[in-house]
Every structure is written in C-alpha cells, then in structure tokens.
Amino acid sequence: MSNWTSLWYVWLILLTVFLLLLCGITASCIKFCCRKKRPPVETFPRHPYDLTAIAIDSDSTAHSTVT
C-alpha cells in the first residue's frame, strides 16, 4: 500500500479544490452583502400601456375572408 504523504499530486488536487471552494463561498458572501446594502434600482421605468384585444368568432366575415 502506498504512503499518502508520497502522493503529492493528490494533495495538490485537494488543495486546489479547497481553494476554489473557498473563493466561491467568499465571492458569494461579498455579492450577497453588497446587494443587501444597496437599495434596489429599477432598470426600466414603468409606463402605463394600452392593450387592445380583438375577438373574432367563427361566424365573422373577417374570419371567413382570412381563411
């Protein structure tokens, strides 16, 4: 059986994974803290808009011309 301390590449892989995980957690915490402190900014101003709906039934002359 091989000695774990002689397998330096296993320790290097484990250290790399640990550092990536630590960086991801730190970045997520910083992003969460910065988002919490700033007031939410509305990107697009809301404007009232009109909606027009035209209902066409099967007996309509417009429907028979289209088909």
C-alpha atoms as a PDB file:
ATOM      1  CA  MET A   1       0.000   0.000   0.000  1.00  0.00           C
ATOM      2  CA  SER A   2       1.333   3.456  -0.867  1.00  0.00           C
ATOM      3  CA  ASN A   3       2.006   6.160   1.681  1.00  0.00           C
ATOM      4  CA  TRP A   4      -0.396   9.150   1.466  1.00  0.00           C
ATOM      5  CA  THR A   5       2.349  11.692   2.036  1.00  0.00           C
ATOM      6  CA  SER A   6       4.294  10.498  -1.005  1.00  0.00           C
ATOM      7  CA  LEU A   7       1.308  11.132  -3.267  1.00  0.00           C
ATOM      8  CA  TRP A   8       1.946  14.868  -3.622  1.00  0.00           C
ATOM      9  CA  TYR A   9      -0.347  15.254  -6.642  1.00  0.00           C
ATOM     10  CA  VAL A  10      -3.350  14.071  -4.603  1.00  0.00           C
ATOM     11  CA  TRP A  11      -2.644  16.762  -2.010  1.00  0.00           C
ATOM     12  CA  LEU A  12      -2.234  19.328  -4.789  1.00  0.00           C
ATOM     13  CA  ILE A  13      -5.610  18.414  -6.289  1.00  0.00           C
ATOM     14  CA  LEU A  14      -7.294  18.509  -2.882  1.00  0.00           C
ATOM     15  CA  LEU A  15      -5.723  21.888  -2.103  1.00  0.00           C
ATOM     16  CA  THR A  16      -6.853  23.291  -5.462  1.00  0.00           C
ATOM     17  CA  VAL A  17     -10.429  22.091  -4.953  1.00  0.00           C
ATOM     18  CA  PHE A  18     -10.463  23.512  -1.427  1.00  0.00           C
ATOM     19  CA  LEU A  19      -9.168  26.907  -2.606  1.00  0.00           C
ATOM     20  CA  LEU A  20     -11.722  27.069  -5.432  1.00  0.00           C
ATOM     21  CA  LEU A  21     -14.497  26.233  -2.990  1.00  0.00           C
ATOM     22  CA  LEU A  22     -13.253  28.854  -0.543  1.00  0.00           C
ATOM     23  CA  CYS A  23     -13.057  31.515  -3.284  1.00  0.00           C
ATOM     24  CA  GLY A  24     -16.588  30.686  -4.448  1.00  0.00           C
ATOM     25  CA  ILE A  25     -18.018  30.949  -0.948  1.00  0.00           C
ATOM     26  CA  THR A  26     -16.184  34.234  -0.320  1.00  0.00           C
ATOM     27  CA  ALA A  27     -17.380  35.731  -3.615  1.00  0.00           C
ATOM     28  CA  SER A  28     -20.963  34.687  -2.877  1.00  0.00           C
ATOM     29  CA  CYS A  29     -20.845  36.277   0.582  1.00  0.00           C
ATOM     30  CA  ILE A  30     -19.400  39.524  -0.781  1.00  0.00           C
ATOM     31  CA  LYS A  31     -22.023  39.643  -3.543  1.00  0.00           C
ATOM     32  CA  PHE A  32     -24.817  38.994  -1.038  1.00  0.00           C
ATOM     33  CA  CYS A  33     -23.570  41.682   1.363  1.00  0.00           C
ATOM     34  CA  CYS A  34     -23.189  44.292  -1.385  1.00  0.00           C
ATOM     35  CA  ARG A  35     -26.642  43.564  -2.780  1.00  0.00           C
ATOM     36  CA  LYS A  36     -28.193  43.833   0.673  1.00  0.00           C
ATOM     37  CA  LYS A  37     -26.704  47.277   1.390  1.00  0.00           C
ATOM     38  CA  ARG A  38     -27.710  48.971  -1.884  1.00  0.00           C
ATOM     39  CA  PRO A  39     -31.325  49.986  -2.466  1.00  0.00           C
ATOM     40  CA  PRO A  40     -32.877  48.154  -5.401  1.00  0.00           C
ATOM     41  CA  VAL A  41     -32.586  50.142  -8.616  1.00  0.00           C
ATOM     42  CA  GLU A  42     -35.318  49.848 -11.211  1.00  0.00           C
ATOM     43  CA  THR A  43     -33.674  49.433 -14.606  1.00  0.00           C
ATOM     44  CA  PHE A  44     -36.657  50.303 -16.789  1.00  0.00           C
ATOM     45  CA  PRO A  45     -39.210  52.894 -15.706  1.00  0.00           C
ATOM     46  CA  ARG A  46     -42.720  51.546 -15.714  1.00  0.00           C
ATOM     47  CA  HIS A  47     -45.060  53.311 -18.097  1.00  0.00           C
ATOM     48  CA  PRO A  48     -48.767  52.643 -18.347  1.00  0.00           C
ATOM     49  CA  TYR A  49     -49.658  50.993 -21.615  1.00  0.00           C
ATOM     50  CA  ASP A  50     -52.826  50.277 -23.563  1.00  0.00           C
ATOM     51  CA  LEU A  51     -53.872  46.801 -24.540  1.00  0.00           C
ATOM     52  CA  THR A  52     -56.248  46.207 -27.418  1.00  0.00           C
ATOM     53  CA  ALA A  53     -57.936  42.854 -27.845  1.00  0.00           C
ATOM     54  CA  ILE A  54     -59.989  41.971 -30.903  1.00  0.00           C
ATOM     55  CA  ALA A  55     -62.207  38.931 -30.640  1.00  0.00           C
ATOM     56  CA  ILE A  56     -63.176  37.119 -33.832  1.00  0.00           C
ATOM     57  CA  ASP A  57     -65.690  34.320 -33.748  1.00  0.00           C
ATOM     58  CA  SER A  58     -66.237  31.716 -36.435  1.00  0.00           C
ATOM     59  CA  ASP A  59     -69.311  33.485 -37.923  1.00  0.00           C
ATOM     60  CA  SER A  60     -67.458  36.747 -38.545  1.00  0.00           C
ATOM     61  CA  THR A  61     -66.913  37.942 -42.128  1.00  0.00           C
ATOM     62  CA  ALA A  62     -63.318  38.850 -41.293  1.00  0.00           C
ATOM     63  CA  HIS A  63     -62.667  35.263 -40.257  1.00  0.00           C
ATOM     64  CA  SER A  64     -64.140  33.823 -43.440  1.00  0.00           C
ATOM     65  CA  THR A  65     -62.076  36.179 -45.614  1.00  0.00           C
ATOM     66  CA  VAL A  66     -58.867  35.249 -43.838  1.00  0.00           C
ATOM     67  CA  THR A  67     -59.480  31.520 -44.163  1.00  0.00           C
END
